[in-house]
């Protein structure tokens, strides 16, 4: 039976998207998708380049009569966020994404879909393969490792591109044209600890927070979603002294740019307090579910008795860990005073992991104002310094300053109105886009970002709107046809 995704329109876009679903492409492990792109360029006899960072550039000559148009580069990233539900068996290094159609959405089965930014790649390939689409001289840039470090955009060399106009295909809200984005930075903390022998006459429990929506730490940070690390730690902090809690393990969240959906801890308590402890957990569960009844209806907290571990961490380290996580800010820190409903500054408590004798806490900060980004970073740093942690901040990446007078923005907005008889929203995005870094390397580049509607990016709830994909494609073609001539 024919794959139902291949019955969708525009056929060429879904054809290549289906190909991409079958190619494993975790961040920093993009060898297979890069090989696919190099083979594609060779198949269509197009100039195909690969730089030292691993970015791939494919050039296509202008269609007849369009040779005097300005050079345009279409850009997307080739890696994907690899998140799955805890009960899903899936090897992102080798297994294809299992996708299906549900109503007007394309979804995956228990994993991220990779529409971020697989649909951008598919659109680029569909343009490159077509003999019918009119366009001027064209470049397609495929960057590596956007999700975990913007490595491809950082490594992009000036002079690699010929274009003066960039269409970034990595936005997730159809009907919105993005002309600016937040800058970002990661702050990592490592807390030391010592092990102690298991206490006598004790019982061990595994506490699991699950069922949260998660999502993108930029796009979704203002939606009131729960953070599994914060919820789990709140229970531990509130009951640390009353139950003489001992901690053996804490594991929550995964990716720096995703809101933590799941977290668990293994704790040890005196045996005689078992009943009271489980009752307390039930009360806490009811409290938190009531608090998140609107934004997190699937929130669940479970407790199971497990074998008593041989070792627990020392009391002082546990004390500092719970206080640091409790004190660490998470969520929106400031809204823009000039743009309505636009998050200006935020921070994400992404993950907590036991690693090599230390507890690693990963956080990320975003802001469209550079000084506020640094202030948020300093705030997080101060909390973990008080706990005695070792701190490291990433190099960070710049924001993309909006240019309301941009010619490509005006052209794109006019094209949208012509096609759909309605005005698009023109706005900035709180998420990071590679446009900021590319603009640093190519200061004269006129840039815009648009895409189809993707919900739940960076989580197993990720889904791609089918109807909006048609509109995204039609807008892309209309813009390419109307690129102005070179002066």
Protein backbone atom coordinates (compact mmCIF):
# COMPACT_ATOMS: atom_id res chain seq x y z
CA UNK A 1 0.00 0.00 0.00
CA UNK A 2 1.28 3.45 -0.89
CA UNK A 3 2.57 5.56 1.97
CA UNK A 4 -0.27 8.05 2.69
CA UNK A 5 2.25 10.87 3.14
CA UNK A 6 3.11 10.48 -0.56
CA UNK A 7 -0.53 11.25 -1.45
CA UNK A 8 -0.25 14.77 0.01
CA UNK A 9 0.26 17.98 -1.93
CA UNK A 10 2.58 19.57 -2.90
CA UNK A 11 3.75 16.14 -4.00
CA UNK A 12 7.42 17.03 -4.51
CA UNK A 13 7.78 18.51 -1.02
CA UNK A 14 6.21 15.48 0.67
CA UNK A 15 8.28 13.14 -1.50
CA UNK A 16 11.49 14.62 -0.15
CA UNK A 17 10.13 14.95 3.38
CA UNK A 18 9.37 11.23 3.33
CA UNK A 19 12.93 10.55 2.18
CA UNK A 20 14.24 12.64 5.07
CA UNK A 21 12.10 10.73 7.60
CA UNK A 22 14.06 7.63 6.64
CA UNK A 23 17.50 9.19 7.19
CA UNK A 24 18.78 9.32 10.80
CA UNK A 25 20.12 12.82 11.52
CA UNK A 26 20.71 13.54 15.22
CA UNK A 27 22.65 16.69 16.01
CA UNK A 28 26.39 16.16 15.49
CA UNK A 29 25.63 12.89 13.67
CA UNK A 30 24.52 14.21 10.29
CA UNK A 31 26.78 12.01 8.13
CA UNK A 32 23.89 10.14 6.48
CA UNK A 33 21.86 13.21 5.55
CA UNK A 34 25.00 14.98 4.30
CA UNK A 35 25.77 11.99 2.07
CA UNK A 36 22.19 12.10 0.78
CA UNK A 37 22.51 15.78 -0.10
CA UNK A 38 25.85 15.30 -1.84
CA UNK A 39 24.36 12.47 -3.90
CA UNK A 40 21.36 14.67 -4.71
CA UNK A 41 23.61 17.44 -6.03
CA UNK A 42 25.53 14.98 -8.16
CA UNK A 43 22.32 13.40 -9.49
CA UNK A 44 20.99 16.75 -10.70
CA UNK A 45 24.44 17.90 -11.91
CA UNK A 46 24.38 20.97 -9.67
CA UNK A 47 27.41 22.73 -8.21
CA UNK A 48 27.71 21.20 -4.73
CA UNK A 49 30.16 22.33 -2.05
CA UNK A 50 30.93 21.21 1.49
CA UNK A 51 32.84 23.44 3.89
CA UNK A 52 35.15 22.44 6.75
CA UNK A 53 32.29 22.57 9.26
CA UNK A 54 30.14 20.16 7.25
CA UNK A 55 27.69 22.69 5.82
CA UNK A 56 26.55 21.88 2.31
CA UNK A 57 25.81 24.43 -0.41
CA UNK A 58 24.06 23.54 -3.66
CA UNK A 59 23.82 26.12 -6.45
CA UNK A 60 21.30 26.13 -9.28
CA UNK A 61 21.47 28.46 -12.28
CA UNK A 62 18.62 30.86 -12.99
CA UNK A 63 15.77 29.70 -15.18
CA UNK A 64 15.78 31.27 -18.69
CA UNK A 65 14.96 34.98 -18.60
CA UNK A 66 15.71 35.30 -14.84
CA UNK A 67 19.49 35.52 -15.04
CA UNK A 68 19.57 39.20 -14.04
CA UNK A 69 17.77 38.67 -10.72
CA UNK A 70 19.54 38.99 -7.38
CA UNK A 71 21.10 35.86 -5.93
CA UNK A 72 18.94 34.21 -3.25
CA UNK A 73 19.94 31.59 -0.70
CA UNK A 74 17.37 29.26 0.87
CA UNK A 75 18.60 28.03 4.25
CA UNK A 76 17.65 25.33 6.72
CA UNK A 77 19.44 23.06 9.20
CA UNK A 78 19.83 19.33 8.64
CA UNK A 79 19.91 18.03 12.23
CA UNK A 80 16.88 17.24 14.39
CA UNK A 81 16.03 17.10 18.07
CA UNK A 82 15.87 13.46 19.19
CA UNK A 83 13.28 13.12 21.95
CA UNK A 84 11.02 10.14 22.65
CA UNK A 85 8.54 8.99 25.22
CA UNK A 86 10.09 6.85 27.94
CA UNK A 87 8.15 3.77 26.84
CA UNK A 88 9.09 4.13 23.15
CA UNK A 89 11.85 1.88 21.79
CA UNK A 90 13.67 3.86 19.13
CA UNK A 91 17.32 4.20 18.06
CA UNK A 92 17.72 7.69 16.58
CA UNK A 93 21.15 6.77 15.19
CA UNK A 94 19.73 4.03 12.97
CA UNK A 95 15.93 3.88 12.93
CA UNK A 96 13.68 5.83 10.54
CA UNK A 97 11.02 8.12 11.97
CA UNK A 98 7.64 6.38 12.01
CA UNK A 99 5.22 9.00 10.72
CA UNK A 100 1.47 8.93 10.16
CA UNK A 101 -1.38 11.29 9.30
CA UNK A 102 -3.81 12.28 12.02
CA UNK A 103 -6.49 14.68 10.82
CA UNK A 104 -4.71 17.66 9.28
CA UNK A 105 -1.39 16.78 10.93
CA UNK A 106 1.61 14.64 10.17
CA UNK A 107 2.92 13.16 13.43
CA UNK A 108 5.47 10.60 14.60
CA UNK A 109 4.83 7.56 16.79
CA UNK A 110 6.23 8.42 20.20
CA UNK A 111 9.21 10.46 18.95
CA UNK A 112 9.98 13.86 17.57
CA UNK A 113 8.99 14.15 13.91
CA UNK A 114 11.92 16.22 12.72
CA UNK A 115 9.74 18.62 10.74
CA UNK A 116 12.00 21.12 12.48
CA UNK A 117 13.68 21.54 10.04
CA UNK A 118 13.07 18.57 7.78
CA UNK A 119 10.26 20.37 6.00
CA UNK A 120 12.65 23.22 5.18
CA UNK A 121 15.11 20.75 3.66
CA UNK A 122 12.29 19.15 1.66
CA UNK A 123 11.21 22.50 0.24
CA UNK A 124 14.77 23.32 -0.81
CA UNK A 125 15.18 19.98 -2.57
CA UNK A 126 11.82 20.35 -4.31
CA UNK A 127 12.93 23.72 -5.73
CA UNK A 128 16.31 22.36 -6.79
CA UNK A 129 14.75 19.34 -8.52
CA UNK A 130 12.04 21.27 -10.37
CA UNK A 131 12.16 22.23 -14.03
CA UNK A 132 9.00 24.32 -13.75
CA UNK A 133 9.63 26.83 -10.95
CA UNK A 134 10.88 30.22 -12.15
CA UNK A 135 13.70 31.73 -10.14
CA UNK A 136 16.88 33.73 -10.42
CA UNK A 137 20.34 32.39 -9.52
CA UNK A 138 19.81 30.23 -6.46
CA UNK A 139 21.77 28.76 -3.58
CA UNK A 140 20.56 26.26 -0.98
CA UNK A 141 22.50 26.21 2.28
CA UNK A 142 22.14 23.21 4.59
CA UNK A 143 23.73 23.84 7.99
CA UNK A 144 24.80 21.28 10.58
CA UNK A 145 24.17 21.04 14.31
CA UNK A 146 21.77 23.93 14.74
CA UNK A 147 19.93 22.37 17.65
CA UNK A 148 22.80 21.78 20.08
CA UNK A 149 25.26 24.52 19.27
CA UNK A 150 24.56 26.39 16.02
CA UNK A 151 27.83 24.85 14.90
CA UNK A 152 27.16 25.20 11.19
CA UNK A 153 26.20 28.86 11.41
CA UNK A 154 29.19 29.59 13.67
CA UNK A 155 31.53 27.87 11.21
CA UNK A 156 30.12 29.48 8.09
CA UNK A 157 32.84 31.45 6.33
CA UNK A 158 32.37 34.83 4.71
CA UNK A 159 32.65 34.46 0.94
CA UNK A 160 31.04 31.01 0.88
CA UNK A 161 27.73 32.50 -0.28
CA UNK A 162 27.11 34.65 -3.37
CA UNK A 163 23.61 35.71 -2.34
CA UNK A 164 22.42 39.08 -1.03
CA UNK A 165 18.99 37.76 0.06
CA UNK A 166 18.39 34.92 2.53
CA UNK A 167 15.14 33.02 3.04
CA UNK A 168 15.40 31.07 6.28
CA UNK A 169 12.91 28.16 6.24
CA UNK A 170 13.00 27.36 9.95
CA UNK A 171 9.95 29.14 11.39
CA UNK A 172 6.97 27.31 12.82
CA UNK A 173 3.91 29.55 12.49
CA UNK A 174 2.32 29.93 9.07
CA UNK A 175 1.02 33.44 8.47
CA UNK A 176 3.89 34.98 10.38
CA UNK A 177 6.96 36.52 8.77
CA UNK A 178 9.88 36.75 11.16
CA UNK A 179 12.33 39.62 10.89
CA UNK A 180 14.28 39.24 14.13
CA UNK A 181 15.15 36.74 16.85
CA UNK A 182 16.60 36.44 20.33
CA UNK A 183 20.22 35.78 21.10
CA UNK A 184 21.08 32.94 23.44
CA UNK A 185 23.64 31.48 25.78
CA UNK A 186 23.99 28.28 27.83
CA UNK A 187 25.03 28.14 31.46
CA UNK A 188 26.21 24.81 32.85
CA UNK A 189 26.84 24.05 36.52
CA UNK A 190 28.54 21.04 38.08
CA UNK A 191 27.92 20.26 41.74
CA UNK A 192 30.36 17.89 43.44
CA UNK A 193 29.17 15.17 45.81
CA UNK A 194 30.43 12.27 47.89
CA UNK A 195 28.79 8.89 48.33
CA UNK A 196 27.74 7.50 51.68
CA UNK A 197 26.68 3.92 52.52
CA UNK A 198 22.97 3.14 52.45
CA UNK A 199 21.22 3.86 55.76
CA UNK A 200 19.96 0.93 57.84
CA UNK A 201 16.28 0.01 58.16
CA UNK A 202 15.44 2.04 55.08
CA UNK A 203 13.10 1.90 52.11
CA UNK A 204 13.83 3.25 48.63
CA UNK A 205 11.32 4.83 46.27
CA UNK A 206 11.50 5.97 42.66
CA UNK A 207 9.47 9.13 42.08
CA UNK A 208 8.61 9.89 38.45
CA UNK A 209 7.17 13.09 37.00
CA UNK A 210 5.80 12.51 33.49
CA UNK A 211 3.06 13.44 31.05
CA UNK A 212 4.18 17.04 30.60
CA UNK A 213 3.96 18.73 27.22
CA UNK A 214 7.53 20.00 27.08
CA UNK A 215 8.26 21.97 23.95
CA UNK A 216 10.71 24.53 22.64
CA UNK A 217 12.44 26.58 25.30
CA UNK A 218 12.02 29.71 23.18
CA UNK A 219 8.70 29.39 21.36
CA UNK A 220 6.86 27.72 24.25
CA UNK A 221 8.45 29.31 27.32
CA UNK A 222 5.51 31.70 27.84
CA UNK A 223 2.78 29.06 27.69
CA UNK A 224 2.74 28.16 31.36
CA UNK A 225 3.98 24.62 30.86
CA UNK A 226 5.43 22.62 33.72
CA UNK A 227 9.13 21.86 34.09
CA UNK A 228 9.63 18.31 35.37
CA UNK A 229 12.91 19.22 37.09
CA UNK A 230 11.29 22.03 39.04
CA UNK A 231 8.22 19.99 39.99
CA UNK A 232 10.20 16.98 41.20
CA UNK A 233 12.71 19.09 43.09
CA UNK A 234 9.91 21.03 44.76
CA UNK A 235 8.63 17.83 46.37
CA UNK A 236 12.12 16.84 47.48
CA UNK A 237 12.85 20.28 48.92
CA UNK A 238 9.55 20.46 50.81
CA UNK A 239 10.10 17.04 52.43
CA UNK A 240 13.85 16.86 52.82
CA UNK A 241 13.96 17.43 56.59
CA UNK A 242 10.64 15.90 57.63
CA UNK A 243 11.48 12.49 56.17
CA UNK A 244 15.26 12.58 56.51
CA UNK A 245 15.46 12.05 52.75
CA UNK A 246 18.57 10.58 51.16
CA UNK A 247 19.14 10.89 47.40
CA UNK A 248 20.66 8.21 45.21
CA UNK A 249 19.82 9.58 41.77
CA UNK A 250 18.16 12.55 40.03
CA UNK A 251 17.66 12.52 36.27
CA UNK A 252 15.51 15.04 34.46
CA UNK A 253 15.23 16.60 31.02
CA UNK A 254 17.59 16.08 28.10
CA UNK A 255 18.17 18.95 25.70
CA UNK A 256 19.29 22.49 26.42
CA UNK A 257 16.60 23.97 24.18
CA UNK A 258 13.68 21.81 25.34
CA UNK A 259 11.48 22.26 28.41
CA UNK A 260 11.95 19.19 30.62
CA UNK A 261 8.99 16.79 30.17
CA UNK A 262 10.09 13.98 32.48
CA UNK A 263 12.23 13.58 35.59
CA UNK A 264 12.79 10.92 38.22
CA UNK A 265 14.60 10.59 41.52
CA UNK A 266 15.51 7.59 43.66
CA UNK A 267 15.27 8.46 47.34
CA UNK A 268 15.74 6.57 50.58
CA UNK A 269 13.74 7.16 53.78
CA UNK A 270 13.46 5.47 57.19
CA UNK A 271 11.26 2.40 56.91
CA UNK A 272 8.78 3.53 59.55
CA UNK A 273 7.85 6.61 57.49
CA UNK A 274 6.78 4.75 54.33
CA UNK A 275 3.03 5.23 54.67
CA UNK A 276 3.25 8.88 55.61
CA UNK A 277 5.68 9.54 52.74
CA UNK A 278 3.45 8.00 50.07
CA UNK A 279 0.47 9.93 51.45
CA UNK A 280 2.48 13.14 51.24
CA UNK A 281 3.34 12.39 47.61
CA UNK A 282 -0.36 11.87 46.81
CA UNK A 283 -1.21 15.23 48.39
CA UNK A 284 1.56 16.92 46.44
CA UNK A 285 0.40 15.31 43.20
CA UNK A 286 -3.14 16.61 43.71
CA UNK A 287 -1.82 20.10 44.47
CA UNK A 288 0.39 20.30 41.40
CA UNK A 289 -2.21 18.80 39.07
CA UNK A 290 -4.65 21.47 40.23
CA UNK A 291 -2.07 24.20 39.58
CA UNK A 292 -1.42 22.92 36.04
CA UNK A 293 -4.94 21.74 35.26
CA UNK A 294 -5.23 24.04 32.24
CA UNK A 295 -1.74 23.94 30.73
CA UNK A 296 -0.71 20.38 31.67
CA UNK A 297 -3.77 18.10 31.82
CA UNK A 298 -1.58 15.02 31.29
CA UNK A 299 0.73 15.69 34.26
CA UNK A 300 1.32 12.57 36.35
CA UNK A 301 3.48 11.79 39.38
CA UNK A 302 4.08 8.17 40.32
CA UNK A 303 5.92 6.52 43.20
CA UNK A 304 7.20 2.94 43.26
CA UNK A 305 9.18 1.06 45.86
CA UNK A 306 12.56 -0.12 44.52
CA UNK A 307 15.58 -1.95 45.88
CA UNK A 308 17.56 0.08 48.37
CA UNK A 309 20.67 1.38 46.54
CA UNK A 310 24.10 0.60 47.91
CA UNK A 311 25.04 4.29 48.12
CA UNK A 312 23.42 7.70 48.52
CA UNK A 313 24.97 11.14 48.12
CA UNK A 314 26.08 13.03 51.20
CA UNK A 315 23.55 15.21 53.00
CA UNK A 316 25.36 18.48 52.35
CA UNK A 317 25.45 17.92 48.58
CA UNK A 318 21.76 16.98 48.56
CA UNK A 319 20.96 20.15 50.51
CA UNK A 320 22.85 22.36 48.07
CA UNK A 321 21.38 20.59 45.04
CA UNK A 322 17.75 20.97 46.08
CA UNK A 323 18.20 24.59 47.10
CA UNK A 324 20.04 25.48 43.90
CA UNK A 325 17.40 23.89 41.67
CA UNK A 326 14.62 25.52 43.68
CA UNK A 327 16.30 28.91 43.49
CA UNK A 328 17.28 28.67 39.83
CA UNK A 329 14.85 30.78 37.75
CA UNK A 330 12.92 29.18 34.95
CA UNK A 331 10.53 30.79 32.48
CA UNK A 332 9.85 34.31 31.29
CA UNK A 333 11.93 37.00 32.98
CA UNK A 334 10.78 40.01 30.96
CA UNK A 335 8.26 40.86 28.26
CA UNK A 336 9.07 43.39 25.57
CA UNK A 337 7.94 46.93 26.39
CA UNK A 338 7.67 47.78 22.67
CA UNK A 339 6.34 44.60 20.99
CA UNK A 340 2.98 43.31 22.18
CA UNK A 341 2.99 39.78 23.66
CA UNK A 342 6.67 39.29 22.78
CA UNK A 343 8.96 37.59 25.28
CA UNK A 344 12.10 39.64 25.64
CA UNK A 345 14.11 37.56 28.15
CA UNK A 346 13.78 34.02 29.49
CA UNK A 347 15.73 31.14 30.99
CA UNK A 348 15.24 27.37 30.84
CA UNK A 349 16.29 24.84 33.50
CA UNK A 350 16.84 22.14 30.91
CA UNK A 351 18.39 19.08 32.55
CA UNK A 352 19.83 17.55 35.72
CA UNK A 353 22.17 14.57 35.33
CA UNK A 354 24.54 12.54 37.52
CA UNK A 355 27.80 12.33 35.55
CA UNK A 356 31.29 11.21 36.57
CA UNK A 357 31.10 12.10 40.24
CA UNK A 358 29.32 15.41 39.66
CA UNK A 359 25.76 16.56 39.10
CA UNK A 360 25.47 18.52 35.85
CA UNK A 361 22.73 21.11 35.55
CA UNK A 362 22.17 22.57 32.07
CA UNK A 363 20.35 25.85 31.58
CA UNK A 364 19.89 28.23 28.64
CA UNK A 365 19.15 31.95 28.53
CA UNK A 366 17.57 33.96 25.70
CA UNK A 367 16.96 37.64 25.09
CA UNK A 368 16.55 40.06 22.24
CA UNK A 369 18.50 42.55 24.37
CA UNK A 370 22.15 41.54 24.77
CA UNK A 371 22.57 43.15 28.20
CA UNK A 372 19.47 41.38 29.51
CA UNK A 373 20.76 38.07 28.19
CA UNK A 374 23.91 38.59 30.23
CA UNK A 375 21.88 39.64 33.26
CA UNK A 376 19.86 36.41 33.07
CA UNK A 377 23.09 34.42 32.74
CA UNK A 378 24.53 36.17 35.78
CA UNK A 379 21.37 35.46 37.76
CA UNK A 380 21.63 31.72 37.10
CA UNK A 381 25.38 31.75 37.70
CA UNK A 382 24.93 33.43 41.09
CA UNK A 383 22.47 30.78 42.27
CA UNK A 384 24.80 27.91 41.49
CA UNK A 385 27.89 29.72 42.78
CA UNK A 386 26.20 29.98 46.17
CA UNK A 387 25.81 26.20 46.06
CA UNK A 388 29.53 25.79 45.40
CA UNK A 389 29.17 24.69 41.80
CA UNK A 390 31.68 24.87 39.01
CA UNK A 391 30.26 27.09 36.25
CA UNK A 392 30.78 27.34 32.50
CA UNK A 393 28.97 29.63 30.07
CA UNK A 394 28.91 28.99 26.34
CA UNK A 395 30.12 31.45 23.75
CA UNK A 396 26.50 32.28 22.96
CA UNK A 397 25.09 33.62 19.75
CA UNK A 398 23.81 37.05 18.72
CA UNK A 399 20.25 38.08 18.13
CA UNK A 400 18.97 39.23 14.76
CA UNK A 401 17.99 42.88 14.89
CA UNK A 402 14.73 43.56 13.02
CA UNK A 403 14.89 45.79 9.95
CA UNK A 404 11.34 47.06 9.31
CA UNK A 405 12.52 48.67 6.03
CA UNK A 406 13.83 45.38 4.61
CA UNK A 407 13.00 44.94 0.88
CA UNK A 408 12.62 41.16 1.21
CA UNK A 409 10.17 41.63 4.08
CA UNK A 410 8.11 44.04 1.97
CA UNK A 411 8.18 41.64 -1.00
CA UNK A 412 7.20 38.65 1.16
CA UNK A 413 4.34 40.52 2.83
CA UNK A 414 3.04 41.70 -0.56
CA UNK A 415 3.28 38.16 -1.94
CA UNK A 416 1.39 36.77 1.05
CA UNK A 417 -1.41 39.32 0.66
CA UNK A 418 -1.66 38.56 -3.07
CA UNK A 419 -1.90 34.80 -2.51
CA UNK A 420 -4.17 34.63 0.53
CA UNK A 421 -5.98 37.98 0.56
CA UNK A 422 -4.93 38.70 4.12
CA UNK A 423 -2.07 40.51 5.78
CA UNK A 424 0.64 38.37 7.41
CA UNK A 425 1.97 39.15 10.85
CA UNK A 426 5.45 40.65 10.72
CA UNK A 427 7.26 40.09 14.01
CA UNK A 428 10.33 38.88 15.85
CA UNK A 429 10.66 35.45 17.49
CA UNK A 430 11.97 34.59 20.94
CA UNK A 431 13.63 31.42 19.67
CA UNK A 432 17.12 31.55 18.22
CA UNK A 433 17.53 31.46 14.46
CA UNK A 434 20.71 31.07 12.49
CA UNK A 435 19.99 34.42 10.85
CA UNK A 436 21.76 36.24 13.68
CA UNK A 437 25.03 34.44 13.09
CA UNK A 438 24.72 34.50 9.30
CA UNK A 439 24.03 38.23 9.46
CA UNK A 440 27.25 38.63 11.45
CA UNK A 441 29.21 36.99 8.60
CA UNK A 442 27.21 38.74 5.85
CA UNK A 443 26.20 42.16 7.23
CA UNK A 444 24.53 43.25 3.97
CA UNK A 445 22.34 40.15 3.74
CA UNK A 446 18.63 40.99 3.56
CA UNK A 447 16.86 38.23 5.54
CA UNK A 448 13.45 36.87 6.40
CA UNK A 449 12.24 33.63 8.00
CA UNK A 450 8.96 31.81 7.38
CA UNK A 451 7.61 28.28 7.41
CA UNK A 452 4.56 26.08 7.90
CA UNK A 453 2.87 25.53 11.27
CA UNK A 454 4.69 23.08 13.53
CA UNK A 455 3.36 22.42 17.02
CA UNK A 456 5.20 20.72 19.88
CA UNK A 457 8.66 21.06 18.34
CA UNK A 458 11.43 19.36 20.35
CA UNK A 459 8.94 16.95 21.93
CA UNK A 460 7.23 13.68 20.90
CA UNK A 461 4.08 15.76 20.40
CA UNK A 462 5.69 17.48 17.40
CA UNK A 463 3.28 17.69 14.48
CA UNK A 464 3.26 19.38 11.08
CA UNK A 465 0.14 21.06 9.72
CA UNK A 466 -0.62 19.77 6.22
CA UNK A 467 -2.70 22.71 4.96
CA UNK A 468 -0.14 25.25 6.15
CA UNK A 469 2.58 23.37 4.29
CA UNK A 470 0.72 24.08 1.03
CA UNK A 471 0.61 27.79 1.87
CA UNK A 472 4.28 27.81 2.89
CA UNK A 473 5.24 26.27 -0.44
CA UNK A 474 3.10 28.64 -2.48
CA UNK A 475 4.58 31.65 -0.66
CA UNK A 476 8.11 30.43 -1.27
CA UNK A 477 7.49 30.04 -5.01
CA UNK A 478 5.76 33.43 -5.26
CA UNK A 479 8.68 35.17 -3.53
CA UNK A 480 11.25 33.48 -5.78
CA UNK A 481 9.39 34.51 -8.92
CA UNK A 482 9.36 38.16 -7.80
CA UNK A 483 12.94 38.60 -6.62
CA UNK A 484 14.09 41.97 -8.06
CA UNK A 485 16.81 42.45 -10.66
CA UNK A 486 20.37 43.23 -9.71
CA UNK A 487 21.26 46.90 -9.91
